[in-house]
């Protein structure tokens, strides 16, 4: 990628030209990346909460089974 103002060669992920300081237009891509990271974090948290609740339910079922088995 090249700077539109001075023609300096830039890395593809650059947000500003290192020579003249002109914006490259990649700011929106950085915002999209941040939004995607936030979505993934929310989704990851829901998966973890679901797994913890699932394990708790299974442990309760096992505990009920053990208690009912010991009464016999």
C-alpha atoms as a PDB file:
ATOM      1  CA  UNK A   1       0.000   0.000   0.000  1.00  0.00           C
ATOM      2  CA  UNK A   2       1.193   3.530  -0.745  1.00  0.00           C
ATOM      3  CA  UNK A   3       0.397   6.882   0.843  1.00  0.00           C
ATOM      4  CA  UNK A   4      -2.065   8.873  -1.279  1.00  0.00           C
ATOM      5  CA  UNK A   5      -0.377  12.147  -0.323  1.00  0.00           C
ATOM      6  CA  UNK A   6       3.364  11.476  -0.623  1.00  0.00           C
ATOM      7  CA  UNK A   7       3.621   8.039  -2.281  1.00  0.00           C
ATOM      8  CA  UNK A   8       5.589   6.470   0.568  1.00  0.00           C
ATOM      9  CA  UNK A   9       5.276   2.658   0.710  1.00  0.00           C
ATOM     10  CA  UNK A  10       3.369   1.546   3.816  1.00  0.00           C
ATOM     11  CA  UNK A  11       2.497  -1.743   5.494  1.00  0.00           C
ATOM     12  CA  UNK A  12      -1.040  -2.928   4.698  1.00  0.00           C
ATOM     13  CA  UNK A  13      -2.203  -2.405   8.281  1.00  0.00           C
ATOM     14  CA  UNK A  14      -0.826   1.173   8.626  1.00  0.00           C
ATOM     15  CA  UNK A  15      -3.315   3.795   9.785  1.00  0.00           C
ATOM     16  CA  UNK A  16      -0.960   6.767   9.137  1.00  0.00           C
ATOM     17  CA  UNK A  17       1.906   7.425   6.770  1.00  0.00           C
ATOM     18  CA  UNK A  18       5.216   7.195   8.604  1.00  0.00           C
ATOM     19  CA  UNK A  19       6.686   9.928   6.367  1.00  0.00           C
ATOM     20  CA  UNK A  20       3.998  12.625   6.124  1.00  0.00           C
ATOM     21  CA  UNK A  21       1.456  11.544   8.775  1.00  0.00           C
ATOM     22  CA  UNK A  22      -1.470  11.380   6.353  1.00  0.00           C
ATOM     23  CA  UNK A  23      -4.324   9.046   7.326  1.00  0.00           C
ATOM     24  CA  UNK A  24      -4.486   5.911   5.194  1.00  0.00           C
ATOM     25  CA  UNK A  25      -8.191   5.167   5.641  1.00  0.00           C
ATOM     26  CA  UNK A  26      -7.594   1.989   7.676  1.00  0.00           C
ATOM     27  CA  UNK A  27      -9.271   3.456  10.775  1.00  0.00           C
ATOM     28  CA  UNK A  28     -12.578   1.791   9.895  1.00  0.00           C
ATOM     29  CA  UNK A  29     -10.817  -1.570   9.580  1.00  0.00           C
ATOM     30  CA  UNK A  30      -9.400  -1.101  13.091  1.00  0.00           C
ATOM     31  CA  UNK A  31     -12.919  -0.309  14.381  1.00  0.00           C
ATOM     32  CA  UNK A  32     -14.323  -3.422  12.678  1.00  0.00           C
ATOM     33  CA  UNK A  33     -11.566  -5.546  14.217  1.00  0.00           C
ATOM     34  CA  UNK A  34     -12.349  -4.142  17.678  1.00  0.00           C
ATOM     35  CA  UNK A  35     -16.069  -4.793  17.185  1.00  0.00           C
ATOM     36  CA  UNK A  36     -15.340  -8.380  16.115  1.00  0.00           C
ATOM     37  CA  UNK A  37     -13.122  -8.886  19.169  1.00  0.00           C
ATOM     38  CA  UNK A  38     -15.900  -7.590  21.438  1.00  0.00           C
ATOM     39  CA  UNK A  39     -18.440  -9.918  19.807  1.00  0.00           C
ATOM     40  CA  UNK A  40     -16.089 -12.872  20.265  1.00  0.00           C
ATOM     41  CA  UNK A  41     -15.511 -11.986  23.938  1.00  0.00           C
ATOM     42  CA  UNK A  42     -19.275 -11.823  24.560  1.00  0.00           C
ATOM     43  CA  UNK A  43     -19.785 -15.139  22.765  1.00  0.00           C
ATOM     44  CA  UNK A  44     -16.889 -16.727  24.652  1.00  0.00           C
ATOM     45  CA  UNK A  45     -18.347 -15.587  27.988  1.00  0.00           C
ATOM     46  CA  UNK A  46     -21.709 -17.146  27.127  1.00  0.00           C
ATOM     47  CA  UNK A  47     -20.009 -20.446  26.245  1.00  0.00           C
ATOM     48  CA  UNK A  48     -18.116 -20.461  29.551  1.00  0.00           C
ATOM     49  CA  UNK A  49     -21.261 -19.661  31.554  1.00  0.00           C
ATOM     50  CA  UNK A  50     -23.176 -22.389  29.718  1.00  0.00           C
ATOM     51  CA  UNK A  51     -20.428 -24.922  30.417  1.00  0.00           C
ATOM     52  CA  UNK A  52     -20.329 -24.023  34.131  1.00  0.00           C
ATOM     53  CA  UNK A  53     -24.129 -24.323  34.408  1.00  0.00           C
ATOM     54  CA  UNK A  54     -24.030 -27.650  32.556  1.00  0.00           C
ATOM     55  CA  UNK A  55     -21.387 -29.063  34.885  1.00  0.00           C
ATOM     56  CA  UNK A  56     -23.360 -27.838  37.925  1.00  0.00           C
ATOM     57  CA  UNK A  57     -26.517 -29.570  36.665  1.00  0.00           C
ATOM     58  CA  UNK A  58     -24.639 -32.824  36.053  1.00  0.00           C
ATOM     59  CA  UNK A  59     -23.088 -32.672  39.527  1.00  0.00           C
ATOM     60  CA  UNK A  60     -26.525 -32.107  41.076  1.00  0.00           C
ATOM     61  CA  UNK A  61     -27.927 -35.116  39.212  1.00  0.00           C
ATOM     62  CA  UNK A  62     -25.017 -37.282  40.373  1.00  0.00           C
ATOM     63  CA  UNK A  63     -25.464 -36.063  43.952  1.00  0.00           C
ATOM     64  CA  UNK A  64     -29.193 -36.840  43.891  1.00  0.00           C
ATOM     65  CA  UNK A  65     -28.450 -40.282  42.459  1.00  0.00           C
ATOM     66  CA  UNK A  66     -25.848 -40.993  45.197  1.00  0.00           C
ATOM     67  CA  UNK A  67     -28.192 -39.831  47.962  1.00  0.00           C
ATOM     68  CA  UNK A  68     -31.099 -41.910  46.639  1.00  0.00           C
ATOM     69  CA  UNK A  69     -28.800 -44.931  46.140  1.00  0.00           C
ATOM     70  CA  UNK A  70     -27.469 -44.756  49.716  1.00  0.00           C
ATOM     71  CA  UNK A  71     -31.038 -44.790  51.153  1.00  0.00           C
ATOM     72  CA  UNK A  72     -31.593 -48.329  49.778  1.00  0.00           C
END
